[in-house]
Amino acid sequence: MVKKIGYILTSVLSLLFVACAGGSCNVVPNRSFTTNINQSEHLGVYATNGWAYAGGGYAGLVVYNSGTQTNPKLLAYDRCSTINPEAGNKVEVEGLTLIDRASGARWLMLDGSPIEIAECPLKPYAVGQNGSIFYVQN
């Protein structure tokens, strides 16, 4: 019985490894960049649940404040839809979701996870801070 469970567990883990190694959700091409996010150019992102579009990434960025106005916590995603990324369709903010108007796919702004049609999350980027200026980079 233990041997059978071990075999099943090994098979499942192998399938997961192969699926992840194939990059099934690593569909947006990499681009090296660093983009500064500051209040003069991206005022909207400094409000609670605020956001702003910015340059960088493959198809631009959407930057979201999941914190507060006085204590911002910025998250950044590539605007490239994970549905047919070769087309370079840009997602747009609609409330607290992001939508690819070409396919109708939707993602949550809070974590970039798919909520409708899409299977892959939006590509996230690292956000750092130097004083009052935030920066997004890959």
C-alpha atoms as a PDB file:
ATOM      1  CA  MET A   1       0.000   0.000   0.000  1.00  0.00           C
ATOM      2  CA  VAL A   2       2.794   2.457   0.928  1.00  0.00           C
ATOM      3  CA  LYS A   3       4.592   1.544  -2.296  1.00  0.00           C
ATOM      4  CA  LYS A   4       1.444   2.254  -4.317  1.00  0.00           C
ATOM      5  CA  ILE A   5       0.946   5.664  -2.646  1.00  0.00           C
ATOM      6  CA  GLY A   6       4.609   6.483  -3.268  1.00  0.00           C
ATOM      7  CA  TYR A   7       4.217   5.577  -6.948  1.00  0.00           C
ATOM      8  CA  ILE A   8       1.084   7.731  -7.307  1.00  0.00           C
ATOM      9  CA  LEU A   9       2.716  10.658  -5.499  1.00  0.00           C
ATOM     10  CA  THR A  10       5.832  10.400  -7.676  1.00  0.00           C
ATOM     11  CA  SER A  11       3.700  10.307 -10.826  1.00  0.00           C
ATOM     12  CA  VAL A  12       1.688  13.367  -9.826  1.00  0.00           C
ATOM     13  CA  LEU A  13       4.804  15.343  -8.873  1.00  0.00           C
ATOM     14  CA  SER A  14       6.474  14.368 -12.147  1.00  0.00           C
ATOM     15  CA  LEU A  15       3.475  15.618 -14.118  1.00  0.00           C
ATOM     16  CA  LEU A  16       3.491  18.906 -12.205  1.00  0.00           C
ATOM     17  CA  PHE A  17       7.224  19.319 -12.805  1.00  0.00           C
ATOM     18  CA  VAL A  18       6.862  18.682 -16.536  1.00  0.00           C
ATOM     19  CA  ALA A  19       3.934  21.125 -16.784  1.00  0.00           C
ATOM     20  CA  CYS A  20       5.853  23.846 -14.944  1.00  0.00           C
ATOM     21  CA  ALA A  21       9.122  23.145 -16.743  1.00  0.00           C
ATOM     22  CA  GLY A  22       7.308  23.612 -20.021  1.00  0.00           C
ATOM     23  CA  GLY A  23       6.556  27.187 -18.948  1.00  0.00           C
ATOM     24  CA  SER A  24       2.865  26.808 -19.607  1.00  0.00           C
ATOM     25  CA  CYS A  25       2.155  30.051 -17.741  1.00  0.00           C
ATOM     26  CA  ASN A  26       5.414  31.817 -18.461  1.00  0.00           C
ATOM     27  CA  VAL A  27       4.007  33.213 -21.685  1.00  0.00           C
ATOM     28  CA  VAL A  28       4.924  36.934 -21.637  1.00  0.00           C
ATOM     29  CA  PRO A  29       8.444  37.544 -22.974  1.00  0.00           C
ATOM     30  CA  ASN A  30      11.072  38.996 -20.625  1.00  0.00           C
ATOM     31  CA  ARG A  31      12.393  42.514 -21.090  1.00  0.00           C
ATOM     32  CA  SER A  32      14.950  44.158 -18.825  1.00  0.00           C
ATOM     33  CA  PHE A  33      13.806  47.538 -17.530  1.00  0.00           C
ATOM     34  CA  THR A  34      13.591  49.822 -14.513  1.00  0.00           C
ATOM     35  CA  THR A  35      10.707  52.289 -14.210  1.00  0.00           C
ATOM     36  CA  ASN A  36      10.403  54.945 -11.501  1.00  0.00           C
ATOM     37  CA  ILE A  37       6.974  55.507  -9.988  1.00  0.00           C
ATOM     38  CA  ASN A  38       6.539  58.939  -8.393  1.00  0.00           C
ATOM     39  CA  GLN A  39       3.686  61.199  -7.339  1.00  0.00           C
ATOM     40  CA  SER A  40       4.225  63.806 -10.043  1.00  0.00           C
ATOM     41  CA  GLU A  41       3.780  61.320 -12.906  1.00  0.00           C
ATOM     42  CA  HIS A  42       1.628  58.600 -11.312  1.00  0.00           C
ATOM     43  CA  LEU A  43      -0.551  60.437  -8.788  1.00  0.00           C
ATOM     44  CA  GLY A  44      -3.442  57.930  -8.951  1.00  0.00           C
ATOM     45  CA  VAL A  45      -1.370  55.053  -7.605  1.00  0.00           C
ATOM     46  CA  TYR A  46      -0.763  56.848  -4.303  1.00  0.00           C
ATOM     47  CA  ALA A  47      -4.455  56.659  -3.292  1.00  0.00           C
ATOM     48  CA  THR A  48      -5.855  53.637  -1.445  1.00  0.00           C
ATOM     49  CA  ASN A  49      -6.801  51.092  -4.177  1.00  0.00           C
ATOM     50  CA  GLY A  50      -5.347  53.560  -6.686  1.00  0.00           C
ATOM     51  CA  TRP A  51      -3.575  52.592  -9.878  1.00  0.00           C
ATOM     52  CA  ALA A  52      -1.626  54.010 -12.788  1.00  0.00           C
ATOM     53  CA  TYR A  53      -0.306  52.909 -16.143  1.00  0.00           C
ATOM     54  CA  ALA A  54       3.455  53.207 -16.596  1.00  0.00           C
ATOM     55  CA  GLY A  55       6.108  52.389 -19.168  1.00  0.00           C
ATOM     56  CA  GLY A  56       8.226  49.258 -18.949  1.00  0.00           C
ATOM     57  CA  GLY A  57       7.738  45.539 -19.270  1.00  0.00           C
ATOM     58  CA  TYR A  58       6.621  43.950 -22.523  1.00  0.00           C
ATOM     59  CA  ALA A  59       3.379  45.900 -23.105  1.00  0.00           C
ATOM     60  CA  GLY A  60       3.577  48.542 -20.405  1.00  0.00           C
ATOM     61  CA  LEU A  61       2.738  48.263 -16.723  1.00  0.00           C
ATOM     62  CA  VAL A  62      -0.245  48.660 -14.499  1.00  0.00           C
ATOM     63  CA  VAL A  63       0.773  49.574 -10.940  1.00  0.00           C
ATOM     64  CA  TYR A  64      -1.734  49.108  -8.106  1.00  0.00           C
ATOM     65  CA  ASN A  65      -1.662  50.314  -4.492  1.00  0.00           C
ATOM     66  CA  SER A  66      -2.917  47.516  -2.245  1.00  0.00           C
ATOM     67  CA  GLY A  67      -1.964  49.558   0.835  1.00  0.00           C
ATOM     68  CA  THR A  68      -3.139  53.001   1.870  1.00  0.00           C
ATOM     69  CA  GLN A  69      -2.411  56.568   0.873  1.00  0.00           C
ATOM     70  CA  THR A  70      -0.066  57.047   3.830  1.00  0.00           C
ATOM     71  CA  ASN A  71       1.457  53.565   3.623  1.00  0.00           C
ATOM     72  CA  PRO A  72       1.421  52.494  -0.045  1.00  0.00           C
ATOM     73  CA  LYS A  73       2.122  48.883  -1.005  1.00  0.00           C
ATOM     74  CA  LEU A  74       2.601  48.811  -4.761  1.00  0.00           C
ATOM     75  CA  LEU A  75       2.103  45.795  -7.002  1.00  0.00           C
ATOM     76  CA  ALA A  76       3.042  45.830 -10.691  1.00  0.00           C
ATOM     77  CA  TYR A  77       1.897  43.664 -13.591  1.00  0.00           C
ATOM     78  CA  ASP A  78       2.691  43.596 -17.285  1.00  0.00           C
ATOM     79  CA  ARG A  79      -0.238  44.882 -19.310  1.00  0.00           C
ATOM     80  CA  CYS A  80       0.267  42.086 -21.861  1.00  0.00           C
ATOM     81  CA  SER A  81      -2.681  39.707 -21.829  1.00  0.00           C
ATOM     82  CA  THR A  82      -1.749  36.080 -21.222  1.00  0.00           C
ATOM     83  CA  ILE A  83      -4.353  35.126 -23.828  1.00  0.00           C
ATOM     84  CA  ASN A  84      -2.465  35.037 -27.126  1.00  0.00           C
ATOM     85  CA  PRO A  85       0.465  37.155 -25.822  1.00  0.00           C
ATOM     86  CA  GLU A  86       2.023  37.323 -29.315  1.00  0.00           C
ATOM     87  CA  ALA A  87      -0.761  39.758 -30.223  1.00  0.00           C
ATOM     88  CA  GLY A  88       0.404  42.101 -27.444  1.00  0.00           C
ATOM     89  CA  ASN A  89      -3.144  42.953 -26.341  1.00  0.00           C
ATOM     90  CA  LYS A  90      -3.008  45.342 -23.393  1.00  0.00           C
ATOM     91  CA  VAL A  91      -5.192  44.773 -20.366  1.00  0.00           C
ATOM     92  CA  GLU A  92      -7.146  47.755 -19.056  1.00  0.00           C
ATOM     93  CA  VAL A  93      -8.290  48.620 -15.553  1.00  0.00           C
ATOM     94  CA  GLU A  94     -12.005  48.183 -14.915  1.00  0.00           C
ATOM     95  CA  GLY A  95     -12.847  48.698 -11.251  1.00  0.00           C
ATOM     96  CA  LEU A  96     -10.610  46.329  -9.286  1.00  0.00           C
ATOM     97  CA  THR A  97     -10.143  43.988 -12.230  1.00  0.00           C
ATOM     98  CA  LEU A  98      -8.091  44.029 -15.405  1.00  0.00           C
ATOM     99  CA  ILE A  99      -9.691  43.107 -18.716  1.00  0.00           C
ATOM    100  CA  ASP A 100      -8.423  42.070 -22.125  1.00  0.00           C
ATOM    101  CA  ARG A 101     -11.085  43.593 -24.351  1.00  0.00           C
ATOM    102  CA  ALA A 102     -10.080  41.416 -27.325  1.00  0.00           C
ATOM    103  CA  SER A 103     -10.762  38.107 -25.548  1.00  0.00           C
ATOM    104  CA  GLY A 104     -12.937  39.146 -22.606  1.00  0.00           C
ATOM    105  CA  ALA A 105     -10.464  37.609 -20.137  1.00  0.00           C
ATOM    106  CA  ARG A 106     -10.298  39.132 -16.646  1.00  0.00           C
ATOM    107  CA  TRP A 107      -7.791  39.165 -13.784  1.00  0.00           C
ATOM    108  CA  LEU A 108      -7.907  40.385 -10.174  1.00  0.00           C
ATOM    109  CA  MET A 109      -5.941  43.572  -9.557  1.00  0.00           C
ATOM    110  CA  LEU A 110      -5.064  42.414  -6.018  1.00  0.00           C
ATOM    111  CA  ASP A 111      -2.850  39.524  -7.148  1.00  0.00           C
ATOM    112  CA  GLY A 112      -3.042  39.246 -10.955  1.00  0.00           C
ATOM    113  CA  SER A 113      -4.852  35.909 -10.794  1.00  0.00           C
ATOM    114  CA  PRO A 114      -7.246  34.965 -13.611  1.00  0.00           C
ATOM    115  CA  ILE A 115     -10.982  35.144 -12.871  1.00  0.00           C
ATOM    116  CA  GLU A 116     -12.540  34.717 -16.299  1.00  0.00           C
ATOM    117  CA  ILE A 117     -11.382  32.874 -19.475  1.00  0.00           C
ATOM    118  CA  ALA A 118      -7.619  33.175 -18.798  1.00  0.00           C
ATOM    119  CA  GLU A 119      -5.742  30.275 -17.219  1.00  0.00           C
ATOM    120  CA  CYS A 120      -2.466  32.098 -16.525  1.00  0.00           C
ATOM    121  CA  PRO A 121      -1.975  35.033 -14.145  1.00  0.00           C
ATOM    122  CA  LEU A 122      -0.636  38.361 -15.331  1.00  0.00           C
ATOM    123  CA  LYS A 123       3.136  38.661 -15.224  1.00  0.00           C
ATOM    124  CA  PRO A 124       4.176  40.310 -11.941  1.00  0.00           C
ATOM    125  CA  TYR A 125       7.249  42.480 -11.442  1.00  0.00           C
ATOM    126  CA  ALA A 126       9.316  43.364  -8.383  1.00  0.00           C
ATOM    127  CA  VAL A 127       8.596  46.743  -6.808  1.00  0.00           C
ATOM    128  CA  GLY A 128      11.225  48.425  -4.635  1.00  0.00           C
ATOM    129  CA  GLN A 129      11.369  51.712  -2.804  1.00  0.00           C
ATOM    130  CA  ASN A 130      14.051  54.370  -2.369  1.00  0.00           C
ATOM    131  CA  GLY A 131      12.715  57.116  -0.102  1.00  0.00           C
ATOM    132  CA  SER A 132       9.446  58.377  -1.559  1.00  0.00           C
ATOM    133  CA  ILE A 133      10.136  56.966  -5.028  1.00  0.00           C
ATOM    134  CA  PHE A 134       9.100  53.454  -5.982  1.00  0.00           C
ATOM    135  CA  TYR A 135      10.671  51.556  -8.840  1.00  0.00           C
ATOM    136  CA  VAL A 136       9.575  48.551 -10.847  1.00  0.00           C
ATOM    137  CA  GLN A 137      12.145  46.312 -12.436  1.00  0.00           C
ATOM    138  CA  ASN A 138      12.789  43.023 -14.112  1.00  0.00           C
END
